[in-house]
C-alpha atoms as a PDB file:
ATOM      1  CA  PHE A   1      -1.254 -32.334 -35.333  1.00  0.00           C
ATOM      2  CA  GLU A   2      -3.776 -33.626 -33.171  1.00  0.00           C
ATOM      3  CA  GLN A   3      -1.833 -32.110 -30.304  1.00  0.00           C
ATOM      4  CA  PHE A   4      -2.462 -28.152 -31.479  1.00  0.00           C
ATOM      5  CA  THR A   5      -6.218 -28.718 -32.018  1.00  0.00           C
ATOM      6  CA  ASN A   6      -8.131 -26.938 -29.100  1.00  0.00           C
ATOM      7  CA  PRO A   7     -10.440 -28.894 -27.216  1.00  0.00           C
ATOM      8  CA  VAL A   8     -13.515 -26.840 -28.491  1.00  0.00           C
ATOM      9  CA  ASN A   9     -13.511 -28.722 -31.229  1.00  0.00           C
ATOM     10  CA  LEU A  10     -12.952 -25.670 -33.789  1.00  0.00           C
ATOM     11  CA  VAL A  11     -11.579 -26.345 -37.535  1.00  0.00           C
ATOM     12  CA  PRO A  12      -7.976 -26.566 -36.718  1.00  0.00           C
ATOM     13  CA  ASN A  13      -5.666 -24.509 -38.773  1.00  0.00           C
ATOM     14  CA  PRO A  14      -3.523 -26.633 -41.100  1.00  0.00           C
ATOM     15  CA  VAL A  15      -1.330 -23.756 -42.589  1.00  0.00           C
ATOM     16  CA  ASN A  16      -0.160 -23.100 -39.173  1.00  0.00           C
ATOM     17  CA  PRO A  17      -0.859 -25.128 -36.034  1.00  0.00           C
ATOM     18  CA  VAL A  18       1.490 -23.372 -33.820  1.00  0.00           C
ATOM     19  CA  LYS A  19      -0.234 -20.342 -33.976  1.00  0.00           C
ATOM     20  CA  GLU A  20      -3.755 -22.069 -32.897  1.00  0.00           C
ATOM     21  CA  SER A  21      -2.375 -23.263 -30.329  1.00  0.00           C
ATOM     22  CA  PHE A  22      -1.068 -20.021 -29.153  1.00  0.00           C
ATOM     23  CA  ASP A  23      -4.146 -18.358 -29.800  1.00  0.00           C
ATOM     24  CA  PHE A  24      -5.871 -20.887 -27.578  1.00  0.00           C
ATOM     25  CA  PHE A  25      -3.446 -20.750 -24.433  1.00  0.00           C
ATOM     26  CA  MET A  26      -3.119 -16.800 -24.870  1.00  0.00           C
ATOM     27  CA  ALA A  27      -7.377 -16.904 -24.149  1.00  0.00           C
ATOM     28  CA  ARG A  28      -6.666 -18.999 -21.303  1.00  0.00           C
ATOM     29  CA  GLY A  29      -4.394 -16.799 -20.180  1.00  0.00           C
ATOM     30  CA  TRP A  30      -6.222 -14.139 -20.087  1.00  0.00           C
ATOM     31  CA  GLU A  31      -9.022 -16.052 -18.736  1.00  0.00           C
ATOM     32  CA  SER A  32      -6.903 -16.996 -15.310  1.00  0.00           C
ATOM     33  CA  LYS A  33      -5.573 -13.111 -15.351  1.00  0.00           C
ATOM     34  CA  SER A  34      -9.455 -12.287 -14.517  1.00  0.00           C
ATOM     35  CA  VAL A  35      -9.877 -14.826 -12.768  1.00  0.00           C
ATOM     36  CA  GLU A  36      -6.971 -13.904 -10.314  1.00  0.00           C
ATOM     37  CA  ASP A  37      -8.167 -10.006 -10.672  1.00  0.00           C
ATOM     38  CA  GLN A  38     -11.722 -11.326  -9.254  1.00  0.00           C
ATOM     39  CA  ILE A  39     -10.270 -12.862  -6.284  1.00  0.00           C
ATOM     40  CA  ALA A  40      -7.476  -9.841  -5.371  1.00  0.00           C
ATOM     41  CA  GLU A  41     -10.928  -7.550  -5.541  1.00  0.00           C
ATOM     42  CA  ALA A  42     -12.907  -9.541  -3.732  1.00  0.00           C
ATOM     43  CA  GLU A  43      -9.944 -10.014  -0.703  1.00  0.00           C
ATOM     44  CA  GLU A  44      -9.169  -6.072  -1.013  1.00  0.00           C
ATOM     45  CA  ARG A  45     -13.458  -5.562  -0.421  1.00  0.00           C
ATOM     46  CA  LYS A  46     -13.230  -8.185   2.662  1.00  0.00           C
ATOM     47  CA  LEU A  47     -10.037  -6.023   4.007  1.00  0.00           C
ATOM     48  CA  THR A  48     -11.738  -2.213   3.612  1.00  0.00           C
ATOM     49  CA  ALA A  49     -14.874  -4.055   4.871  1.00  0.00           C
ATOM     50  CA  ALA A  50     -13.211  -5.201   7.908  1.00  0.00           C
ATOM     51  CA  THR A  51     -11.158  -1.839   8.824  1.00  0.00           C
ATOM     52  CA  PRO A  52     -13.235   0.725  10.844  1.00  0.00           C
ATOM     53  CA  LYS A  53     -14.691   3.735   9.460  1.00  0.00           C
ATOM     54  CA  LEU A  54     -12.708   6.745  11.095  1.00  0.00           C
ATOM     55  CA  SER A  55     -14.748   9.968  11.510  1.00  0.00           C
ATOM     56  CA  THR A  56     -13.187  13.563  10.168  1.00  0.00           C
ATOM     57  CA  THR A  57     -12.311  14.146  13.824  1.00  0.00           C
ATOM     58  CA  GLU A  58     -10.462  11.109  14.249  1.00  0.00           C
ATOM     59  CA  ILE A  59      -8.802  11.262  11.075  1.00  0.00           C
ATOM     60  CA  ALA A  60      -7.826  14.759  11.690  1.00  0.00           C
ATOM     61  CA  GLU A  61      -6.253  13.530  15.043  1.00  0.00           C
ATOM     62  CA  ARG A  62      -4.267  10.402  13.606  1.00  0.00           C
ATOM     63  CA  ASP A  63      -2.897  13.333  11.017  1.00  0.00           C
ATOM     64  CA  ARG A  64      -1.968  15.511  13.654  1.00  0.00           C
ATOM     65  CA  LEU A  65      -0.057  13.089  15.784  1.00  0.00           C
ATOM     66  CA  ALA A  66       1.608  11.500  12.667  1.00  0.00           C
ATOM     67  CA  ASN A  67       2.755  15.280  11.922  1.00  0.00           C
ATOM     68  CA  LEU A  68       3.990  15.746  15.629  1.00  0.00           C
ATOM     69  CA  GLN A  69       5.966  12.650  15.390  1.00  0.00           C
ATOM     70  CA  MET A  70       7.404  13.455  11.983  1.00  0.00           C
ATOM     71  CA  ALA A  71       8.389  17.177  13.265  1.00  0.00           C
ATOM     72  CA  ARG A  72       9.980  15.466  16.164  1.00  0.00           C
ATOM     73  CA  ALA A  73      12.173  13.197  13.953  1.00  0.00           C
ATOM     74  CA  ARG A  74      13.247  16.265  11.992  1.00  0.00           C
ATOM     75  CA  LEU A  75      14.281  18.231  15.192  1.00  0.00           C
ATOM     76  CA  ARG A  76      16.261  15.464  16.524  1.00  0.00           C
ATOM     77  CA  GLU A  77      17.994  15.055  12.967  1.00  0.00           C
ATOM     78  CA  GLN A  78      18.544  18.565  13.133  1.00  0.00           C
ATOM     79  CA  ILE A  79      20.123  18.175  16.604  1.00  0.00           C
ATOM     80  CA  SER A  80      22.950  16.143  15.196  1.00  0.00           C
ATOM     81  CA  ARG A  81      24.060  18.604  12.823  1.00  0.00           C
ATOM     82  CA  ALA A  82      23.908  21.453  14.762  1.00  0.00           C
ATOM     83  CA  ARG A  83      27.164  23.469  15.544  1.00  0.00           C
ATOM     84  CA  SER A  84      26.171  26.096  18.184  1.00  0.00           C
ATOM     85  CA  GLU A  85      25.368  24.789  21.424  1.00  0.00           C
ATOM     86  CA  ALA A  86      22.353  27.489  21.902  1.00  0.00           C
ATOM     87  CA  HIS A  87      20.827  26.207  18.752  1.00  0.00           C
ATOM     88  CA  LYS A  88      20.627  22.845  20.014  1.00  0.00           C
ATOM     89  CA  GLN A  89      19.427  23.832  23.365  1.00  0.00           C
ATOM     90  CA  ARG A  90      16.292  25.545  21.094  1.00  0.00           C
ATOM     91  CA  LEU A  91      15.657  22.392  19.471  1.00  0.00           C
ATOM     92  CA  LYS A  92      15.588  20.546  22.537  1.00  0.00           C
ATOM     93  CA  LEU A  93      13.090  22.488  23.908  1.00  0.00           C
ATOM     94  CA  ALA A  94      11.155  22.571  21.065  1.00  0.00           C
ATOM     95  CA  ILE A  95      11.181  18.433  21.015  1.00  0.00           C
ATOM     96  CA  ALA A  96      10.282  18.505  24.827  1.00  0.00           C
ATOM     97  CA  ASP A  97       7.350  20.863  23.561  1.00  0.00           C
ATOM     98  CA  ILE A  98       6.423  17.942  20.759  1.00  0.00           C
ATOM     99  CA  GLU A  99       6.698  15.090  23.384  1.00  0.00           C
ATOM    100  CA  ALA A 100       4.347  17.280  26.132  1.00  0.00           C
ATOM    101  CA  GLN A 101       2.084  17.055  23.443  1.00  0.00           C
ATOM    102  CA  LEU A 102       2.156  13.628  22.157  1.00  0.00           C
ATOM    103  CA  ASN A 103       2.181  12.297  25.910  1.00  0.00           C
ATOM    104  CA  ALA A 104      -1.112  14.406  26.540  1.00  0.00           C
ATOM    105  CA  GLN A 105      -2.407  12.702  23.658  1.00  0.00           C
ATOM    106  CA  LEU A 106      -1.933   9.123  24.891  1.00  0.00           C
ATOM    107  CA  PRO A 107      -4.848   7.733  26.404  1.00  0.00           C
ATOM    108  CA  SER A 108      -3.989   6.936  30.264  1.00  0.00           C
ATOM    109  CA  ALA A 109      -3.892   3.643  31.339  1.00  0.00           C
END
């Protein structure tokens, strides 16, 4: 019976000692979850503080490049399904245009 009493010296539950034990350990479980959440939030704050803030122009340029890359991938997929040679040629021209735009955005080394 002693094993079911909590260390805070509360009055043990003589009717159902298991319930008291369950309540005690449930409270500890919630407490440890709260600590885990606090640690996770602190780590997340560190990560967001470490990432540089982008200006609206930089964000727009990043989105534009991502859109060009997705369009290129979509066109390549369409080429694999195209039946008409003329259609394939048009798609290849579109890909070449997109790649020229992407290459123009790359910093020169």
